[in-house]
Structure formats: C-alpha cells, structure tokens
Amino acid sequence: MNWPYLRRGDLAGIILMAVVLAVLVFVLLFFPQRGQQNFGFGPEWQCARMEKGDPICVRLVEKGEAK
C-alpha cells in the first residue's frame, strides 16, 4: 500500500491537534473539579468525595434554624 507523503500543512495540523489534546488531558488531570459538585442536591448541601465508595453529603444548618 502506497501512503501519500505528508505536506507541511498536514504536519502542522497533526502537531496542533496533539497540542490541543495534551492541554485537554492536563486540564482534566490537574483540575478535575472546577467549582463544587453537589451530586444533584441543592445549594444547602455540602458533599465530599471519598476515595472508595459514594460521596458523603451533609445538609448545612443555619444557627437560627430549629430541628
């Protein structure tokens, strides 16, 4: 099978896509949680991710609120 030779524009496109993918992987690895995730609960809930298992969520209670 004869492959066509790569031209300068082809190489530039390959390098550009490699750089874009490298930046995307870097951002996803080092900044996985941009903003606080509440796993579907409202803003009055605070959740913490656990290494193993599901996240643990607690409801924030204000001082004046009676239970």
PDB file of N, CA and C in Angstrom:
ATOM      1  N   MET A   1       0.842  -1.177   0.000  1.00  0.00           N
ATOM      2  CA  MET A   1       0.000   0.000   0.000  1.00  0.00           C
ATOM      3  C   MET A   1       0.888   1.242   0.000  1.00  0.00           C
ATOM      4  N   ASN A   2       0.627   2.136  -0.901  1.00  0.00           N
ATOM      5  CA  ASN A   2       1.416   3.359  -1.011  1.00  0.00           C
ATOM      6  C   ASN A   2       0.721   4.485  -0.244  1.00  0.00           C
ATOM      7  N   TRP A   3       1.438   5.033   0.734  1.00  0.00           N
ATOM      8  CA  TRP A   3       0.917   6.155   1.508  1.00  0.00           C
ATOM      9  C   TRP A   3       1.385   7.449   0.865  1.00  0.00           C
ATOM     10  N   PRO A   4       0.517   8.462   0.818  1.00  0.00           N
ATOM     11  CA  PRO A   4       0.961   9.748   0.262  1.00  0.00           C
ATOM     12  C   PRO A   4       1.920  10.439   1.238  1.00  0.00           C
ATOM     13  N   TYR A   5       2.802  11.250   0.702  1.00  0.00           N
ATOM     14  CA  TYR A   5       3.734  11.983   1.538  1.00  0.00           C
ATOM     15  C   TYR A   5       2.989  13.074   2.300  1.00  0.00           C
ATOM     16  N   LEU A   6       3.421  13.319   3.524  1.00  0.00           N
ATOM     17  CA  LEU A   6       2.817  14.382   4.327  1.00  0.00           C
ATOM     18  C   LEU A   6       3.389  15.726   3.906  1.00  0.00           C
ATOM     19  N   ARG A   7       2.521  16.689   3.746  1.00  0.00           N
ATOM     20  CA  ARG A   7       2.953  18.036   3.391  1.00  0.00           C
ATOM     21  C   ARG A   7       3.089  18.868   4.670  1.00  0.00           C
ATOM     22  N   ARG A   8       3.558  20.086   4.531  1.00  0.00           N
ATOM     23  CA  ARG A   8       3.789  20.964   5.676  1.00  0.00           C
ATOM     24  C   ARG A   8       2.482  21.249   6.427  1.00  0.00           C
ATOM     25  N   GLY A   9       1.384  21.456   5.699  1.00  0.00           N
ATOM     26  CA  GLY A   9       0.094  21.710   6.339  1.00  0.00           C
ATOM     27  C   GLY A   9      -0.422  20.494   7.101  1.00  0.00           C
ATOM     28  N   ASP A  10      -0.153  19.301   6.575  1.00  0.00           N
ATOM     29  CA  ASP A  10      -0.556  18.077   7.264  1.00  0.00           C
ATOM     30  C   ASP A  10       0.173  17.945   8.601  1.00  0.00           C
ATOM     31  N   LEU A  11       1.462  18.177   8.580  1.00  0.00           N
ATOM     32  CA  LEU A  11       2.247  18.102   9.816  1.00  0.00           C
ATOM     33  C   LEU A  11       1.812  19.167  10.818  1.00  0.00           C
ATOM     34  N   ALA A  12       1.526  20.371  10.342  1.00  0.00           N
ATOM     35  CA  ALA A  12       1.073  21.431  11.238  1.00  0.00           C
ATOM     36  C   ALA A  12      -0.256  21.052  11.885  1.00  0.00           C
ATOM     37  N   GLY A  13      -1.153  20.451  11.127  1.00  0.00           N
ATOM     38  CA  GLY A  13      -2.436  20.023  11.686  1.00  0.00           C
ATOM     39  C   GLY A  13      -2.283  18.924  12.717  1.00  0.00           C
ATOM     40  N   ILE A  14      -1.398  17.972  12.450  1.00  0.00           N
ATOM     41  CA  ILE A  14      -1.151  16.889  13.400  1.00  0.00           C
ATOM     42  C   ILE A  14      -0.553  17.433  14.693  1.00  0.00           C
ATOM     43  N   ILE A  15       0.404  18.334  14.572  1.00  0.00           N
ATOM     44  CA  ILE A  15       1.035  18.932  15.755  1.00  0.00           C
ATOM     45  C   ILE A  15       0.027  19.770  16.531  1.00  0.00           C
ATOM     46  N   LEU A  16      -0.794  20.542  15.833  1.00  0.00           N
ATOM     47  CA  LEU A  16      -1.811  21.359  16.502  1.00  0.00           C
ATOM     48  C   LEU A  16      -2.791  20.483  17.286  1.00  0.00           C
ATOM     49  N   MET A  17      -3.262  19.401  16.685  1.00  0.00           N
ATOM     50  CA  MET A  17      -4.200  18.514  17.375  1.00  0.00           C
ATOM     51  C   MET A  17      -3.537  17.825  18.572  1.00  0.00           C
ATOM     52  N   ALA A  18      -2.259  17.474  18.453  1.00  0.00           N
ATOM     53  CA  ALA A  18      -1.540  16.862  19.566  1.00  0.00           C
ATOM     54  C   ALA A  18      -1.417  17.838  20.737  1.00  0.00           C
ATOM     55  N   VAL A  19      -1.156  19.112  20.435  1.00  0.00           N
ATOM     56  CA  VAL A  19      -1.050  20.126  21.485  1.00  0.00           C
ATOM     57  C   VAL A  19      -2.408  20.344  22.158  1.00  0.00           C
ATOM     58  N   VAL A  20      -3.472  20.425  21.370  1.00  0.00           N
ATOM     59  CA  VAL A  20      -4.818  20.624  21.935  1.00  0.00           C
ATOM     60  C   VAL A  20      -5.190  19.448  22.834  1.00  0.00           C
ATOM     61  N   LEU A  21      -4.925  18.225  22.393  1.00  0.00           N
ATOM     62  CA  LEU A  21      -5.241  17.055  23.219  1.00  0.00           C
ATOM     63  C   LEU A  21      -4.388  17.005  24.481  1.00  0.00           C
ATOM     64  N   ALA A  22      -3.118  17.398  24.392  1.00  0.00           N
ATOM     65  CA  ALA A  22      -2.249  17.416  25.570  1.00  0.00           C
ATOM     66  C   ALA A  22      -2.745  18.431  26.595  1.00  0.00           C
ATOM     67  N   VAL A  23      -3.175  19.604  26.144  1.00  0.00           N
ATOM     68  CA  VAL A  23      -3.708  20.622  27.053  1.00  0.00           C
ATOM     69  C   VAL A  23      -5.005  20.121  27.699  1.00  0.00           C
ATOM     70  N   LEU A  24      -5.856  19.481  26.930  1.00  0.00           N
ATOM     71  CA  LEU A  24      -7.107  18.950  27.464  1.00  0.00           C
ATOM     72  C   LEU A  24      -6.849  17.883  28.527  1.00  0.00           C
ATOM     73  N   VAL A  25      -5.928  16.985  28.271  1.00  0.00           N
ATOM     74  CA  VAL A  25      -5.591  15.950  29.255  1.00  0.00           C
ATOM     75  C   VAL A  25      -4.989  16.575  30.498  1.00  0.00           C
ATOM     76  N   PHE A  26      -4.118  17.567  30.355  1.00  0.00           N
ATOM     77  CA  PHE A  26      -3.517  18.258  31.500  1.00  0.00           C
ATOM     78  C   PHE A  26      -4.582  18.911  32.373  1.00  0.00           C
ATOM     79  N   VAL A  27      -5.523  19.613  31.745  1.00  0.00           N
ATOM     80  CA  VAL A  27      -6.580  20.300  32.497  1.00  0.00           C
ATOM     81  C   VAL A  27      -7.466  19.293  33.223  1.00  0.00           C
ATOM     82  N   LEU A  28      -7.826  18.207  32.571  1.00  0.00           N
ATOM     83  CA  LEU A  28      -8.695  17.216  33.205  1.00  0.00           C
ATOM     84  C   LEU A  28      -7.990  16.472  34.336  1.00  0.00           C
ATOM     85  N   LEU A  29      -6.692  16.275  34.237  1.00  0.00           N
ATOM     86  CA  LEU A  29      -5.966  15.568  35.293  1.00  0.00           C
ATOM     87  C   LEU A  29      -5.682  16.445  36.506  1.00  0.00           C
ATOM     88  N   PHE A  30      -5.309  17.688  36.294  1.00  0.00           N
ATOM     89  CA  PHE A  30      -4.882  18.532  37.396  1.00  0.00           C
ATOM     90  C   PHE A  30      -5.967  19.456  37.937  1.00  0.00           C
ATOM     91  N   PHE A  31      -7.058  19.633  37.225  1.00  0.00           N
ATOM     92  CA  PHE A  31      -8.155  20.467  37.689  1.00  0.00           C
ATOM     93  C   PHE A  31      -9.482  19.735  37.479  1.00  0.00           C
ATOM     94  N   PRO A  32      -9.690  18.585  38.133  1.00  0.00           N
ATOM     95  CA  PRO A  32     -10.888  17.785  37.848  1.00  0.00           C
ATOM     96  C   PRO A  32     -12.182  18.409  38.351  1.00  0.00           C
ATOM     97  N   GLN A  33     -12.124  19.228  39.402  1.00  0.00           N
ATOM     98  CA  GLN A  33     -13.345  19.775  39.982  1.00  0.00           C
ATOM     99  C   GLN A  33     -13.315  21.288  39.928  1.00  0.00           C
ATOM    100  N   ARG A  34     -13.768  21.836  38.836  1.00  0.00           N
ATOM    101  CA  ARG A  34     -13.891  23.292  38.761  1.00  0.00           C
ATOM    102  C   ARG A  34     -15.229  23.663  39.353  1.00  0.00           C
ATOM    103  N   GLY A  35     -15.246  24.239  40.546  1.00  0.00           N
ATOM    104  CA  GLY A  35     -16.487  24.509  41.259  1.00  0.00           C
ATOM    105  C   GLY A  35     -16.842  23.319  42.122  1.00  0.00           C
ATOM    106  N   GLN A  36     -17.728  23.555  43.082  1.00  0.00           N
ATOM    107  CA  GLN A  36     -18.109  22.479  43.996  1.00  0.00           C
ATOM    108  C   GLN A  36     -19.214  21.645  43.378  1.00  0.00           C
ATOM    109  N   GLN A  37     -19.070  20.348  43.444  1.00  0.00           N
ATOM    110  CA  GLN A  37     -20.097  19.449  42.938  1.00  0.00           C
ATOM    111  C   GLN A  37     -20.995  19.049  44.098  1.00  0.00           C
ATOM    112  N   ASN A  38     -22.303  19.104  43.867  1.00  0.00           N
ATOM    113  CA  ASN A  38     -23.202  18.710  44.943  1.00  0.00           C
ATOM    114  C   ASN A  38     -23.973  17.447  44.606  1.00  0.00           C
ATOM    115  N   PHE A  39     -23.635  16.764  43.532  1.00  0.00           N
ATOM    116  CA  PHE A  39     -24.181  15.460  43.174  1.00  0.00           C
ATOM    117  C   PHE A  39     -25.697  15.467  43.099  1.00  0.00           C
ATOM    118  N   GLY A  40     -26.287  16.547  42.612  1.00  0.00           N
ATOM    119  CA  GLY A  40     -27.731  16.599  42.405  1.00  0.00           C
ATOM    120  C   GLY A  40     -28.511  17.181  43.565  1.00  0.00           C
ATOM    121  N   PHE A  41     -27.865  17.510  44.663  1.00  0.00           N
ATOM    122  CA  PHE A  41     -28.558  18.111  45.790  1.00  0.00           C
ATOM    123  C   PHE A  41     -28.593  19.627  45.603  1.00  0.00           C
ATOM    124  N   GLY A  42     -29.335  20.306  46.447  1.00  0.00           N
ATOM    125  CA  GLY A  42     -29.439  21.755  46.372  1.00  0.00           C
ATOM    126  C   GLY A  42     -28.225  22.444  46.967  1.00  0.00           C
ATOM    127  N   PRO A  43     -28.218  23.789  46.951  1.00  0.00           N
ATOM    128  CA  PRO A  43     -27.061  24.533  47.455  1.00  0.00           C
ATOM    129  C   PRO A  43     -26.897  24.444  48.974  1.00  0.00           C
ATOM    130  N   GLU A  44     -27.923  23.968  49.687  1.00  0.00           N
ATOM    131  CA  GLU A  44     -27.821  23.859  51.146  1.00  0.00           C
ATOM    132  C   GLU A  44     -27.108  22.568  51.568  1.00  0.00           C
ATOM    133  N   TRP A  45     -26.646  21.790  50.614  1.00  0.00           N
ATOM    134  CA  TRP A  45     -25.935  20.546  50.896  1.00  0.00           C
ATOM    135  C   TRP A  45     -24.455  20.714  50.557  1.00  0.00           C
ATOM    136  N   GLN A  46     -23.603  20.049  51.349  1.00  0.00           N
ATOM    137  CA  GLN A  46     -22.168  20.040  51.075  1.00  0.00           C
ATOM    138  C   GLN A  46     -21.737  18.577  50.979  1.00  0.00           C
ATOM    139  N   CYS A  47     -21.082  18.231  49.874  1.00  0.00           N
ATOM    140  CA  CYS A  47     -20.684  16.842  49.628  1.00  0.00           C
ATOM    141  C   CYS A  47     -19.166  16.727  49.573  1.00  0.00           C
ATOM    142  N   ALA A  48     -18.668  15.592  50.042  1.00  0.00           N
ATOM    143  CA  ALA A  48     -17.237  15.297  49.988  1.00  0.00           C
ATOM    144  C   ALA A  48     -17.046  13.981  49.260  1.00  0.00           C
ATOM    145  N   ARG A  49     -16.113  13.968  48.331  1.00  0.00           N
ATOM    146  CA  ARG A  49     -15.803  12.769  47.561  1.00  0.00           C
ATOM    147  C   ARG A  49     -14.953  11.826  48.408  1.00  0.00           C
ATOM    148  N   MET A  50     -15.268  10.552  48.388  1.00  0.00           N
ATOM    149  CA  MET A  50     -14.493   9.526  49.085  1.00  0.00           C
ATOM    150  C   MET A  50     -13.650   8.766  48.064  1.00  0.00           C
ATOM    151  N   GLU A  51     -12.489   8.288  48.494  1.00  0.00           N
ATOM    152  CA  GLU A  51     -11.632   7.542  47.576  1.00  0.00           C
ATOM    153  C   GLU A  51     -12.312   6.262  47.120  1.00  0.00           C
ATOM    154  N   LYS A  52     -12.964   5.589  48.050  1.00  0.00           N
ATOM    155  CA  LYS A  52     -13.675   4.356  47.724  1.00  0.00           C
ATOM    156  C   LYS A  52     -15.126   4.538  48.160  1.00  0.00           C
ATOM    157  N   GLY A  53     -16.050   4.255  47.275  1.00  0.00           N
ATOM    158  CA  GLY A  53     -17.457   4.360  47.621  1.00  0.00           C
ATOM    159  C   GLY A  53     -18.086   5.649  47.146  1.00  0.00           C
ATOM    160  N   ASP A  54     -19.316   5.835  47.573  1.00  0.00           N
ATOM    161  CA  ASP A  54     -20.087   7.004  47.172  1.00  0.00           C
ATOM    162  C   ASP A  54     -19.681   8.227  47.986  1.00  0.00           C
ATOM    163  N   PRO A  55     -20.001   9.432  47.486  1.00  0.00           N
ATOM    164  CA  PRO A  55     -19.701  10.646  48.251  1.00  0.00           C
ATOM    165  C   PRO A  55     -20.595  10.736  49.484  1.00  0.00           C
ATOM    166  N   ILE A  56     -20.099  11.460  50.487  1.00  0.00           N
ATOM    167  CA  ILE A  56     -20.865  11.695  51.704  1.00  0.00           C
ATOM    168  C   ILE A  56     -21.360  13.126  51.660  1.00  0.00           C
ATOM    169  N   CYS A  57     -22.694  13.298  51.829  1.00  0.00           N
ATOM    170  CA  CYS A  57     -23.302  14.625  51.769  1.00  0.00           C
ATOM    171  C   CYS A  57     -23.972  14.940  53.098  1.00  0.00           C
ATOM    172  N   VAL A  58     -23.813  16.178  53.565  1.00  0.00           N
ATOM    173  CA  VAL A  58     -24.467  16.642  54.789  1.00  0.00           C
ATOM    174  C   VAL A  58     -25.204  17.929  54.470  1.00  0.00           C
ATOM    175  N   ARG A  59     -26.320  18.128  55.147  1.00  0.00           N
ATOM    176  CA  ARG A  59     -27.115  19.337  54.944  1.00  0.00           C
ATOM    177  C   ARG A  59     -26.613  20.415  55.885  1.00  0.00           C
ATOM    178  N   LEU A  60     -26.325  21.586  55.348  1.00  0.00           N
ATOM    179  CA  LEU A  60     -25.861  22.712  56.152  1.00  0.00           C
ATOM    180  C   LEU A  60     -27.046  23.324  56.888  1.00  0.00           C
ATOM    181  N   VAL A  61     -26.896  23.543  58.183  1.00  0.00           N
ATOM    182  CA  VAL A  61     -27.963  24.081  59.019  1.00  0.00           C
ATOM    183  C   VAL A  61     -27.533  25.451  59.521  1.00  0.00           C
ATOM    184  N   GLU A  62     -28.419  26.427  59.409  1.00  0.00           N
ATOM    185  CA  GLU A  62     -28.111  27.763  59.916  1.00  0.00           C
ATOM    186  C   GLU A  62     -28.345  27.795  61.418  1.00  0.00           C
ATOM    187  N   LYS A  63     -27.724  28.750  62.118  1.00  0.00           N
ATOM    188  CA  LYS A  63     -27.803  28.824  63.578  1.00  0.00           C
ATOM    189  C   LYS A  63     -29.233  29.018  64.074  1.00  0.00           C
ATOM    190  N   GLY A  64     -30.003  29.833  63.425  1.00  0.00           N
ATOM    191  CA  GLY A  64     -31.358  30.137  63.886  1.00  0.00           C
ATOM    192  C   GLY A  64     -32.384  29.079  63.530  1.00  0.00           C
ATOM    193  N   GLU A  65     -32.042  28.108  62.745  1.00  0.00           N
ATOM    194  CA  GLU A  65     -32.997  27.103  62.287  1.00  0.00           C
ATOM    195  C   GLU A  65     -33.183  26.025  63.349  1.00  0.00           C
ATOM    196  N   ALA A  66     -34.428  25.759  63.712  1.00  0.00           N
ATOM    197  CA  ALA A  66     -34.736  24.735  64.734  1.00  0.00           C
ATOM    198  C   ALA A  66     -34.995  23.408  64.065  1.00  0.00           C
ATOM    199  N   LYS A  67     -34.652  22.338  64.752  1.00  0.00           N
ATOM    200  CA  LYS A  67     -34.889  20.991  64.218  1.00  0.00           C
ATOM    201  C   LYS A  67     -36.034  20.344  64.920  1.00  0.00           C
TER     202      LYS A  67
END
